[in-house]
Each structure stands twice: as structure tokens, then as C-alpha cells.
Amino acid sequence: MTYVVTEACIKCKYTDCVEVCPVDCFYEGENMLVINPDECIDCGVCEPECPAEAIVPDTEDGIDQWLEVNAKYAAEWPNLTEKKDEAPDAEEMKSVENKFEQFFSPNPGG
């Protein structure tokens, strides 16, 4: 089992999860974070830290797409090990649905 970041993170990009991760397995895109499933140790400390509730275990139904997104972009985006400010419109974007189709960016963060 591993944890994955889902579309709820898009355009929110809270980094509270990064601050508590003992193995630094978060990677930063332009408008979301992902978890490297090969580095995640399944400790779960990140899940309750996410204000957008974007982090879930890969055992939940319908998570296959997000496991693929996390694995793909963790290999391409830079590692993030320190907390940063969330996206400027994070509070407004937390409850928006279908963010992947509308707002996802494959560009790395930094």
C-alpha cells in the first residue's frame, strides 16, 4: 500500500503534508503535489495533515488513475522537502470538482 495525492490538491497545493513526511516522498508540480509510490513507507502521517483531503490510501476504489499520475510525475517533478505557502486561491478551489480536466498542469513546480 502507498498513499496518493488526488485532484483535490490541484490549485490548492497545501504543503502541510510535506512538513510531516519522514521520507521526503513529495514532488512538486506547478499546481499540485504528488507522492512517489516507490518511496512512500505507508506511515499515513500525511493524510490527516491535508486541508483539502487530497491524500488517500491506494486501497480506495477508483484510485488507479491517481496512482499512475503520482508515479509518472514523481519521476519528472522536483522533490519538495519544506513547507511553502499554499496557492493564492486555495480556499476557493478546495471544493471545486473535476479539477484534473480543467486545471491540471504537467509542468514542474519550483
N, C-alpha and C. Protein backbone atom coordinates (compact mmCIF):
# COMPACT_ATOMS: atom_id res chain seq x y z
N MET A 1 0.84 -1.19 0.00
CA MET A 1 0.00 0.00 0.00
C MET A 1 0.88 1.25 0.00
N THR A 2 0.36 2.29 -0.63
CA THR A 2 1.00 3.60 -0.60
C THR A 2 -0.10 4.64 -0.52
N TYR A 3 0.27 5.85 -0.30
CA TYR A 3 -0.69 6.95 -0.33
C TYR A 3 -0.51 7.70 -1.63
N VAL A 4 -1.59 8.31 -2.11
CA VAL A 4 -1.53 9.07 -3.35
C VAL A 4 -2.23 10.41 -3.15
N VAL A 5 -1.80 11.38 -3.95
CA VAL A 5 -2.44 12.68 -3.96
C VAL A 5 -3.44 12.68 -5.11
N THR A 6 -4.65 13.15 -4.83
CA THR A 6 -5.71 13.18 -5.83
C THR A 6 -5.95 14.60 -6.33
N GLU A 7 -6.94 14.74 -7.21
CA GLU A 7 -7.19 16.03 -7.84
C GLU A 7 -7.61 17.13 -6.86
N ALA A 8 -7.99 16.77 -5.66
CA ALA A 8 -8.35 17.80 -4.67
C ALA A 8 -7.19 18.74 -4.38
N CYS A 9 -5.97 18.31 -4.66
CA CYS A 9 -4.78 19.12 -4.43
C CYS A 9 -4.61 20.21 -5.51
N ILE A 10 -5.12 19.97 -6.69
CA ILE A 10 -4.91 20.88 -7.81
C ILE A 10 -5.42 22.28 -7.47
N LYS A 11 -4.54 23.25 -7.69
CA LYS A 11 -4.79 24.68 -7.44
C LYS A 11 -5.02 25.00 -5.96
N CYS A 12 -4.70 24.05 -5.08
CA CYS A 12 -4.68 24.32 -3.65
C CYS A 12 -3.22 24.27 -3.20
N LYS A 13 -2.61 23.12 -3.45
CA LYS A 13 -1.19 22.88 -3.20
C LYS A 13 -0.76 23.25 -1.78
N TYR A 14 -1.54 22.77 -0.83
CA TYR A 14 -1.11 22.91 0.57
C TYR A 14 0.10 22.00 0.76
N THR A 15 1.03 22.41 1.59
CA THR A 15 2.24 21.60 1.78
C THR A 15 2.42 21.16 3.24
N ASP A 16 1.35 21.15 3.99
CA ASP A 16 1.41 20.67 5.37
C ASP A 16 1.90 19.23 5.40
N CYS A 17 1.54 18.46 4.39
CA CYS A 17 1.91 17.05 4.28
C CYS A 17 3.43 16.88 4.15
N VAL A 18 4.04 17.78 3.42
CA VAL A 18 5.48 17.72 3.17
C VAL A 18 6.24 17.85 4.48
N GLU A 19 5.74 18.73 5.32
CA GLU A 19 6.40 19.02 6.59
C GLU A 19 6.48 17.81 7.52
N VAL A 20 5.49 16.90 7.44
CA VAL A 20 5.46 15.75 8.35
C VAL A 20 6.01 14.46 7.73
N CYS A 21 6.27 14.44 6.45
CA CYS A 21 6.72 13.22 5.78
C CYS A 21 8.14 12.84 6.23
N PRO A 22 8.30 11.65 6.81
CA PRO A 22 9.63 11.25 7.29
C PRO A 22 10.59 10.81 6.19
N VAL A 23 10.09 10.58 4.98
CA VAL A 23 10.97 10.09 3.91
C VAL A 23 11.04 11.03 2.70
N ASP A 24 10.48 12.22 2.81
CA ASP A 24 10.55 13.23 1.74
C ASP A 24 10.14 12.67 0.38
N CYS A 25 8.94 12.09 0.32
CA CYS A 25 8.49 11.46 -0.93
C CYS A 25 7.51 12.31 -1.73
N PHE A 26 7.43 13.62 -1.42
CA PHE A 26 6.54 14.52 -2.16
C PHE A 26 7.31 15.24 -3.26
N TYR A 27 6.62 15.42 -4.38
CA TYR A 27 7.20 16.09 -5.54
C TYR A 27 6.24 17.18 -5.99
N GLU A 28 6.82 18.30 -6.46
CA GLU A 28 6.03 19.50 -6.70
C GLU A 28 5.84 19.80 -8.17
N GLY A 29 4.56 19.87 -8.55
CA GLY A 29 4.19 20.34 -9.86
C GLY A 29 3.80 21.80 -9.79
N GLU A 30 3.48 22.36 -10.93
CA GLU A 30 3.11 23.77 -10.99
C GLU A 30 1.91 24.08 -10.09
N ASN A 31 0.91 23.16 -10.07
CA ASN A 31 -0.27 23.48 -9.27
C ASN A 31 -0.78 22.32 -8.39
N MET A 32 0.06 21.31 -8.17
CA MET A 32 -0.29 20.23 -7.23
C MET A 32 0.96 19.49 -6.80
N LEU A 33 0.81 18.64 -5.81
CA LEU A 33 1.89 17.77 -5.35
C LEU A 33 1.54 16.33 -5.70
N VAL A 34 2.55 15.47 -5.75
CA VAL A 34 2.35 14.03 -5.89
C VAL A 34 3.27 13.31 -4.91
N ILE A 35 2.95 12.05 -4.66
CA ILE A 35 3.76 11.19 -3.80
C ILE A 35 4.42 10.13 -4.68
N ASN A 36 5.70 9.91 -4.46
CA ASN A 36 6.38 8.84 -5.18
C ASN A 36 5.99 7.52 -4.49
N PRO A 37 5.23 6.66 -5.18
CA PRO A 37 4.76 5.43 -4.54
C PRO A 37 5.88 4.46 -4.19
N ASP A 38 7.03 4.59 -4.84
CA ASP A 38 8.16 3.72 -4.52
C ASP A 38 8.92 4.18 -3.29
N GLU A 39 8.73 5.43 -2.89
CA GLU A 39 9.42 5.98 -1.72
C GLU A 39 8.52 6.03 -0.48
N CYS A 40 7.22 6.07 -0.69
CA CYS A 40 6.27 6.17 0.42
C CYS A 40 6.38 4.92 1.29
N ILE A 41 6.45 5.13 2.61
CA ILE A 41 6.57 3.99 3.53
C ILE A 41 5.23 3.66 4.19
N ASP A 42 4.17 4.23 3.67
CA ASP A 42 2.81 3.90 4.13
C ASP A 42 2.56 4.24 5.59
N CYS A 43 3.23 5.25 6.09
CA CYS A 43 3.05 5.59 7.51
C CYS A 43 1.73 6.33 7.75
N GLY A 44 1.23 7.05 6.73
CA GLY A 44 -0.05 7.71 6.85
C GLY A 44 -0.07 9.03 7.58
N VAL A 45 1.08 9.54 8.01
CA VAL A 45 1.07 10.80 8.76
C VAL A 45 0.66 12.00 7.90
N CYS A 46 0.80 11.88 6.61
CA CYS A 46 0.45 12.99 5.71
C CYS A 46 -1.05 13.15 5.53
N GLU A 47 -1.77 12.05 5.55
CA GLU A 47 -3.21 12.07 5.23
C GLU A 47 -4.01 13.06 6.08
N PRO A 48 -3.90 13.02 7.41
CA PRO A 48 -4.71 13.95 8.21
C PRO A 48 -4.23 15.40 8.15
N GLU A 49 -3.03 15.63 7.62
CA GLU A 49 -2.48 16.99 7.56
C GLU A 49 -3.00 17.80 6.38
N CYS A 50 -3.61 17.14 5.41
CA CYS A 50 -4.03 17.82 4.18
C CYS A 50 -5.36 18.55 4.37
N PRO A 51 -5.35 19.89 4.33
CA PRO A 51 -6.60 20.64 4.48
C PRO A 51 -7.62 20.38 3.37
N ALA A 52 -7.14 19.96 2.20
CA ALA A 52 -8.03 19.70 1.06
C ALA A 52 -8.48 18.24 1.01
N GLU A 53 -8.02 17.43 1.96
CA GLU A 53 -8.32 15.99 1.99
C GLU A 53 -7.99 15.32 0.66
N ALA A 54 -6.85 15.69 0.11
CA ALA A 54 -6.42 15.20 -1.20
C ALA A 54 -5.59 13.93 -1.13
N ILE A 55 -5.18 13.51 0.05
CA ILE A 55 -4.31 12.34 0.19
C ILE A 55 -5.14 11.15 0.68
N VAL A 56 -5.04 10.05 -0.07
CA VAL A 56 -5.80 8.85 0.27
C VAL A 56 -4.92 7.62 0.07
N PRO A 57 -5.25 6.51 0.75
CA PRO A 57 -4.50 5.27 0.51
C PRO A 57 -4.88 4.69 -0.85
N ASP A 58 -3.95 3.99 -1.46
CA ASP A 58 -4.20 3.43 -2.79
C ASP A 58 -5.15 2.23 -2.76
N THR A 59 -5.64 1.89 -1.59
CA THR A 59 -6.59 0.79 -1.48
C THR A 59 -8.03 1.24 -1.70
N GLU A 60 -8.26 2.54 -1.80
CA GLU A 60 -9.62 3.04 -2.05
C GLU A 60 -10.02 2.74 -3.49
N ASP A 61 -11.30 2.55 -3.71
CA ASP A 61 -11.81 2.30 -5.06
C ASP A 61 -11.57 3.50 -5.96
N GLY A 62 -11.25 3.24 -7.23
CA GLY A 62 -11.10 4.30 -8.21
C GLY A 62 -9.80 5.08 -8.12
N ILE A 63 -8.82 4.55 -7.44
CA ILE A 63 -7.56 5.27 -7.23
C ILE A 63 -6.51 4.96 -8.29
N ASP A 64 -6.73 3.98 -9.15
CA ASP A 64 -5.72 3.58 -10.14
C ASP A 64 -5.20 4.75 -10.96
N GLN A 65 -6.09 5.63 -11.42
CA GLN A 65 -5.66 6.79 -12.20
C GLN A 65 -4.68 7.65 -11.40
N TRP A 66 -4.97 7.83 -10.12
CA TRP A 66 -4.13 8.70 -9.30
C TRP A 66 -2.81 8.04 -8.94
N LEU A 67 -2.79 6.74 -8.83
CA LEU A 67 -1.53 6.04 -8.62
C LEU A 67 -0.62 6.24 -9.83
N GLU A 68 -1.20 6.17 -11.02
CA GLU A 68 -0.44 6.41 -12.25
C GLU A 68 0.06 7.85 -12.34
N VAL A 69 -0.80 8.81 -12.03
CA VAL A 69 -0.41 10.22 -12.07
C VAL A 69 0.71 10.48 -11.08
N ASN A 70 0.58 9.96 -9.87
CA ASN A 70 1.61 10.17 -8.86
C ASN A 70 2.94 9.56 -9.29
N ALA A 71 2.93 8.34 -9.78
CA ALA A 71 4.17 7.68 -10.20
C ALA A 71 4.82 8.41 -11.37
N LYS A 72 4.03 8.78 -12.36
CA LYS A 72 4.56 9.46 -13.55
C LYS A 72 5.23 10.79 -13.19
N TYR A 73 4.52 11.63 -12.44
CA TYR A 73 5.04 12.97 -12.19
C TYR A 73 6.06 13.02 -11.07
N ALA A 74 6.07 12.04 -10.17
CA ALA A 74 7.13 11.98 -9.16
C ALA A 74 8.48 11.76 -9.83
N ALA A 75 8.46 11.10 -10.98
CA ALA A 75 9.71 10.87 -11.73
C ALA A 75 10.15 12.10 -12.51
N GLU A 76 9.25 13.06 -12.71
CA GLU A 76 9.56 14.23 -13.54
C GLU A 76 9.70 15.53 -12.75
N TRP A 77 9.00 15.65 -11.65
CA TRP A 77 8.96 16.90 -10.90
C TRP A 77 10.01 16.92 -9.80
N PRO A 78 10.40 18.12 -9.34
CA PRO A 78 11.40 18.22 -8.26
C PRO A 78 10.85 17.80 -6.90
N ASN A 79 11.73 17.24 -6.10
CA ASN A 79 11.39 16.82 -4.74
C ASN A 79 11.14 18.07 -3.89
N LEU A 80 10.13 18.00 -3.05
CA LEU A 80 9.81 19.11 -2.15
C LEU A 80 9.94 18.61 -0.72
N THR A 81 10.77 19.27 0.07
CA THR A 81 11.03 18.81 1.43
C THR A 81 10.68 19.82 2.50
N GLU A 82 10.26 21.02 2.10
CA GLU A 82 9.92 22.06 3.07
C GLU A 82 8.55 22.65 2.77
N LYS A 83 7.87 23.05 3.80
CA LYS A 83 6.55 23.67 3.66
C LYS A 83 6.67 25.00 2.92
N LYS A 84 5.70 25.26 2.04
CA LYS A 84 5.60 26.51 1.30
C LYS A 84 4.20 27.05 1.50
N ASP A 85 3.99 28.28 1.07
CA ASP A 85 2.64 28.84 1.11
C ASP A 85 1.77 28.12 0.10
N GLU A 86 0.50 27.95 0.45
CA GLU A 86 -0.45 27.33 -0.47
C GLU A 86 -0.73 28.27 -1.64
N ALA A 87 -1.44 27.76 -2.63
CA ALA A 87 -1.82 28.56 -3.79
C ALA A 87 -2.69 29.73 -3.31
N PRO A 88 -2.60 30.87 -3.99
CA PRO A 88 -3.35 32.06 -3.55
C PRO A 88 -4.86 31.84 -3.46
N ASP A 89 -5.41 31.02 -4.31
CA ASP A 89 -6.86 30.79 -4.31
C ASP A 89 -7.22 29.41 -3.75
N ALA A 90 -6.39 28.89 -2.86
CA ALA A 90 -6.57 27.54 -2.32
C ALA A 90 -7.91 27.36 -1.62
N GLU A 91 -8.31 28.29 -0.81
CA GLU A 91 -9.58 28.14 -0.08
C GLU A 91 -10.76 28.04 -1.03
N GLU A 92 -10.78 28.86 -2.06
CA GLU A 92 -11.88 28.84 -3.03
C GLU A 92 -11.87 27.56 -3.87
N MET A 93 -10.68 27.03 -4.14
CA MET A 93 -10.53 25.86 -5.01
C MET A 93 -10.73 24.53 -4.29
N LYS A 94 -10.72 24.53 -2.96
CA LYS A 94 -10.83 23.27 -2.21
C LYS A 94 -12.07 22.46 -2.57
N SER A 95 -13.17 23.11 -2.81
CA SER A 95 -14.42 22.38 -3.04
C SER A 95 -14.79 22.22 -4.51
N VAL A 96 -13.94 22.68 -5.41
CA VAL A 96 -14.22 22.56 -6.84
C VAL A 96 -14.03 21.10 -7.27
N GLU A 97 -14.95 20.60 -8.08
CA GLU A 97 -14.86 19.22 -8.57
C GLU A 97 -14.30 19.19 -9.99
N ASN A 98 -13.86 18.02 -10.42
CA ASN A 98 -13.33 17.80 -11.77
C ASN A 98 -12.19 18.76 -12.11
N LYS A 99 -11.30 18.95 -11.16
CA LYS A 99 -10.19 19.88 -11.37
C LYS A 99 -9.15 19.33 -12.34
N PHE A 100 -9.00 18.02 -12.41
CA PHE A 100 -7.96 17.47 -13.28
C PHE A 100 -8.20 17.90 -14.73
N GLU A 101 -9.40 17.72 -15.23
CA GLU A 101 -9.72 18.06 -16.61
C GLU A 101 -9.60 19.56 -16.87
N GLN A 102 -9.93 20.37 -15.89
CA GLN A 102 -9.96 21.81 -16.07
C GLN A 102 -8.63 22.50 -15.81
N PHE A 103 -7.88 22.03 -14.81
CA PHE A 103 -6.76 22.83 -14.33
C PHE A 103 -5.40 22.13 -14.22
N PHE A 104 -5.34 20.83 -14.37
CA PHE A 104 -4.07 20.14 -14.16
C PHE A 104 -2.98 20.67 -15.08
N SER A 105 -1.79 20.85 -14.54
CA SER A 105 -0.63 21.25 -15.33
C SER A 105 0.46 20.20 -15.17
N PRO A 106 1.02 19.71 -16.27
CA PRO A 106 2.12 18.76 -16.17
C PRO A 106 3.48 19.41 -15.90
N ASN A 107 3.49 20.73 -15.81
CA ASN A 107 4.74 21.45 -15.61
C ASN A 107 5.25 21.28 -14.18
N PRO A 108 6.57 21.23 -14.02
CA PRO A 108 7.13 21.11 -12.68
C PRO A 108 6.95 22.41 -11.89
N GLY A 109 6.95 22.27 -10.58
CA GLY A 109 6.89 23.43 -9.71
C GLY A 109 8.29 23.90 -9.38
N GLY A 110 8.34 24.81 -8.46
CA GLY A 110 9.67 25.27 -8.06
C GLY A 110 9.66 26.63 -7.48
